[in-house]
Amino acid sequence: MENWREISEDIVSSLLEDGSNPETLYEVEHHFVSEDFDKLEAAALAAFKLGYDVEEPAELELEDGDKIWGFDVVVEAELDTDVIMEDVDKLEKVALDAGVEYDGWGTYFQE
């Protein structure tokens, strides 16, 4: 299991050190992946039922040519590790319960 708190702290720190605006809301994308579309669909439905904005699942091609399914949950949040970790904890549980992989989160630099 990944140490999501440490990873989240690194992402937030890097963005702030690069001059990203700490006063704005960020569009944070939480990533889910699975080889099993039905399990991924169950995870998407569970996240939706928790009130999250769930994007449509899409088939993704890996570097080795294999295919995998993925979707994102999009949340508007402060660039604050504690705030983001609240969603990470909930969404990691959704992934675990559905038998899919929570593949981390990302966002974009904001001026």
C-alpha atoms as a PDB file:
ATOM      1  CA  MET A   1       0.000   0.000   0.000  1.00  0.00           C
ATOM      2  CA  GLU A   2       1.189   3.473  -0.860  1.00  0.00           C
ATOM      3  CA  ASN A   3       1.816   6.066   1.822  1.00  0.00           C
ATOM      4  CA  TRP A   4      -0.710   8.540   0.436  1.00  0.00           C
ATOM      5  CA  ARG A   5      -0.111  11.155   3.152  1.00  0.00           C
ATOM      6  CA  GLU A   6       3.597  11.375   2.333  1.00  0.00           C
ATOM      7  CA  ILE A   7       2.912  11.451  -1.397  1.00  0.00           C
ATOM      8  CA  SER A   8       0.234  14.127  -0.913  1.00  0.00           C
ATOM      9  CA  GLU A   9       2.548  16.260   1.219  1.00  0.00           C
ATOM     10  CA  ASP A  10       5.213  16.030  -1.505  1.00  0.00           C
ATOM     11  CA  ILE A  11       2.783  17.061  -4.249  1.00  0.00           C
ATOM     12  CA  VAL A  12       1.408  20.001  -2.256  1.00  0.00           C
ATOM     13  CA  SER A  13       4.896  21.159  -1.203  1.00  0.00           C
ATOM     14  CA  SER A  14       6.220  20.946  -4.765  1.00  0.00           C
ATOM     15  CA  LEU A  15       3.357  22.980  -6.163  1.00  0.00           C
ATOM     16  CA  LEU A  16       3.700  25.667  -3.487  1.00  0.00           C
ATOM     17  CA  GLU A  17       7.502  25.807  -3.847  1.00  0.00           C
ATOM     18  CA  ASP A  18       7.025  26.333  -7.597  1.00  0.00           C
ATOM     19  CA  GLY A  19       4.792  29.342  -6.846  1.00  0.00           C
ATOM     20  CA  SER A  20       1.336  27.833  -7.285  1.00  0.00           C
ATOM     21  CA  ASN A  21      -1.377  30.018  -5.739  1.00  0.00           C
ATOM     22  CA  PRO A  22      -2.254  28.811  -2.219  1.00  0.00           C
ATOM     23  CA  GLU A  23      -5.426  30.947  -2.123  1.00  0.00           C
ATOM     24  CA  THR A  24      -7.353  29.345  -4.995  1.00  0.00           C
ATOM     25  CA  LEU A  25      -9.424  26.185  -5.222  1.00  0.00           C
ATOM     26  CA  TYR A  26      -7.877  23.352  -7.202  1.00  0.00           C
ATOM     27  CA  GLU A  27      -9.482  20.736  -9.403  1.00  0.00           C
ATOM     28  CA  VAL A  28      -8.129  17.546  -7.848  1.00  0.00           C
ATOM     29  CA  GLU A  29      -8.436  14.372  -9.923  1.00  0.00           C
ATOM     30  CA  HIS A  30      -8.443  11.064  -8.035  1.00  0.00           C
ATOM     31  CA  HIS A  31      -7.559   8.137 -10.325  1.00  0.00           C
ATOM     32  CA  PHE A  32      -9.001   4.608 -10.285  1.00  0.00           C
ATOM     33  CA  VAL A  33      -7.925   1.698 -12.499  1.00  0.00           C
ATOM     34  CA  SER A  34      -8.811  -1.955 -12.989  1.00  0.00           C
ATOM     35  CA  GLU A  35      -8.589  -4.692 -15.587  1.00  0.00           C
ATOM     36  CA  ASP A  36     -12.171  -5.627 -14.672  1.00  0.00           C
ATOM     37  CA  PHE A  37     -14.728  -3.163 -16.057  1.00  0.00           C
ATOM     38  CA  ASP A  38     -17.538  -4.443 -13.817  1.00  0.00           C
ATOM     39  CA  LYS A  39     -15.504  -3.841 -10.653  1.00  0.00           C
ATOM     40  CA  LEU A  40     -14.487  -0.412 -11.906  1.00  0.00           C
ATOM     41  CA  GLU A  41     -18.111   0.428 -12.629  1.00  0.00           C
ATOM     42  CA  ALA A  42     -19.032  -0.643  -9.066  1.00  0.00           C
ATOM     43  CA  ALA A  43     -16.354   1.691  -7.682  1.00  0.00           C
ATOM     44  CA  ALA A  44     -17.643   4.558  -9.826  1.00  0.00           C
ATOM     45  CA  LEU A  45     -21.194   3.991  -8.600  1.00  0.00           C
ATOM     46  CA  ALA A  46     -20.038   3.847  -4.963  1.00  0.00           C
ATOM     47  CA  ALA A  47     -18.110   7.133  -5.345  1.00  0.00           C
ATOM     48  CA  PHE A  48     -21.137   8.736  -7.010  1.00  0.00           C
ATOM     49  CA  LYS A  49     -23.377   7.608  -4.139  1.00  0.00           C
ATOM     50  CA  LEU A  50     -20.973   9.360  -1.748  1.00  0.00           C
ATOM     51  CA  GLY A  51     -21.637  12.588  -3.652  1.00  0.00           C
ATOM     52  CA  TYR A  52     -18.502  12.715  -5.790  1.00  0.00           C
ATOM     53  CA  ASP A  53     -18.329  13.955  -9.387  1.00  0.00           C
ATOM     54  CA  VAL A  54     -17.394  10.813 -11.334  1.00  0.00           C
ATOM     55  CA  GLU A  55     -16.106  10.954 -14.900  1.00  0.00           C
ATOM     56  CA  GLU A  56     -16.975   8.309 -17.488  1.00  0.00           C
ATOM     57  CA  PRO A  57     -14.772   5.201 -17.445  1.00  0.00           C
ATOM     58  CA  ALA A  58     -12.371   4.926 -20.359  1.00  0.00           C
ATOM     59  CA  GLU A  59     -10.175   2.196 -21.754  1.00  0.00           C
ATOM     60  CA  LEU A  60      -6.506   3.102 -21.360  1.00  0.00           C
ATOM     61  CA  GLU A  61      -3.483   1.614 -23.090  1.00  0.00           C
ATOM     62  CA  LEU A  62      -0.430   0.866 -20.971  1.00  0.00           C
ATOM     63  CA  GLU A  63       3.165   1.271 -22.172  1.00  0.00           C
ATOM     64  CA  ASP A  64       3.408  -2.462 -22.881  1.00  0.00           C
ATOM     65  CA  GLY A  65       0.264  -2.369 -25.047  1.00  0.00           C
ATOM     66  CA  ASP A  66      -2.039  -3.989 -22.492  1.00  0.00           C
ATOM     67  CA  LYS A  67      -5.423  -2.375 -21.893  1.00  0.00           C
ATOM     68  CA  ILE A  68      -6.897  -1.307 -18.574  1.00  0.00           C
ATOM     69  CA  TRP A  69     -10.008   0.605 -17.532  1.00  0.00           C
ATOM     70  CA  GLY A  70      -9.889   3.843 -15.586  1.00  0.00           C
ATOM     71  CA  PHE A  71     -11.945   6.767 -14.366  1.00  0.00           C
ATOM     72  CA  ASP A  72     -11.393   9.911 -12.333  1.00  0.00           C
ATOM     73  CA  VAL A  73     -13.273  11.447  -9.447  1.00  0.00           C
ATOM     74  CA  VAL A  74     -12.986  15.233  -9.641  1.00  0.00           C
ATOM     75  CA  VAL A  75     -13.112  17.341  -6.489  1.00  0.00           C
ATOM     76  CA  GLU A  76     -12.667  21.073  -6.023  1.00  0.00           C
ATOM     77  CA  ALA A  77     -10.432  21.537  -2.969  1.00  0.00           C
ATOM     78  CA  GLU A  78      -7.908  23.751  -1.247  1.00  0.00           C
ATOM     79  CA  LEU A  79      -4.275  22.872  -1.837  1.00  0.00           C
ATOM     80  CA  ASP A  80      -3.980  21.513   1.691  1.00  0.00           C
ATOM     81  CA  THR A  81      -2.771  18.009   2.536  1.00  0.00           C
ATOM     82  CA  ASP A  82      -5.325  17.491   5.320  1.00  0.00           C
ATOM     83  CA  VAL A  83      -8.228  18.542   3.094  1.00  0.00           C
ATOM     84  CA  ILE A  84      -7.096  16.335   0.223  1.00  0.00           C
ATOM     85  CA  MET A  85      -6.412  13.391   2.542  1.00  0.00           C
ATOM     86  CA  GLU A  86     -10.051  13.394   3.670  1.00  0.00           C
ATOM     87  CA  ASP A  87     -11.021  12.489   0.103  1.00  0.00           C
ATOM     88  CA  VAL A  88      -8.058  10.137  -0.360  1.00  0.00           C
ATOM     89  CA  ASP A  89      -9.086   8.125   2.700  1.00  0.00           C
ATOM     90  CA  LYS A  90     -12.721   7.831   1.548  1.00  0.00           C
ATOM     91  CA  LEU A  91     -11.839   7.035  -2.058  1.00  0.00           C
ATOM     92  CA  GLU A  92      -9.125   4.521  -1.181  1.00  0.00           C
ATOM     93  CA  LYS A  93     -11.761   2.659   0.864  1.00  0.00           C
ATOM     94  CA  VAL A  94     -14.149   2.744  -2.121  1.00  0.00           C
ATOM     95  CA  ALA A  95     -11.411   1.202  -4.289  1.00  0.00           C
ATOM     96  CA  LEU A  96     -10.576  -1.449  -1.712  1.00  0.00           C
ATOM     97  CA  ASP A  97     -14.240  -2.411  -1.248  1.00  0.00           C
ATOM     98  CA  ALA A  98     -14.751  -2.682  -5.036  1.00  0.00           C
ATOM     99  CA  GLY A  99     -11.531  -4.601  -5.663  1.00  0.00           C
ATOM    100  CA  VAL A 100      -9.939  -1.934  -7.879  1.00  0.00           C
ATOM    101  CA  GLU A 101      -6.809   0.169  -7.519  1.00  0.00           C
ATOM    102  CA  TYR A 102      -6.794   3.729  -6.216  1.00  0.00           C
ATOM    103  CA  ASP A 103      -4.021   5.174  -8.363  1.00  0.00           C
ATOM    104  CA  GLY A 104      -3.410   8.473  -6.572  1.00  0.00           C
ATOM    105  CA  TRP A 105      -4.391  12.022  -7.319  1.00  0.00           C
ATOM    106  CA  GLY A 106      -3.146  14.990  -9.259  1.00  0.00           C
ATOM    107  CA  THR A 107      -3.872  18.611  -9.972  1.00  0.00           C
ATOM    108  CA  TYR A 108      -2.456  21.467 -11.994  1.00  0.00           C
ATOM    109  CA  PHE A 109      -0.344  24.524 -11.185  1.00  0.00           C
ATOM    110  CA  GLN A 110      -2.469  27.616 -10.560  1.00  0.00           C
ATOM    111  CA  GLU A 111      -1.143  31.177 -10.920  1.00  0.00           C
END
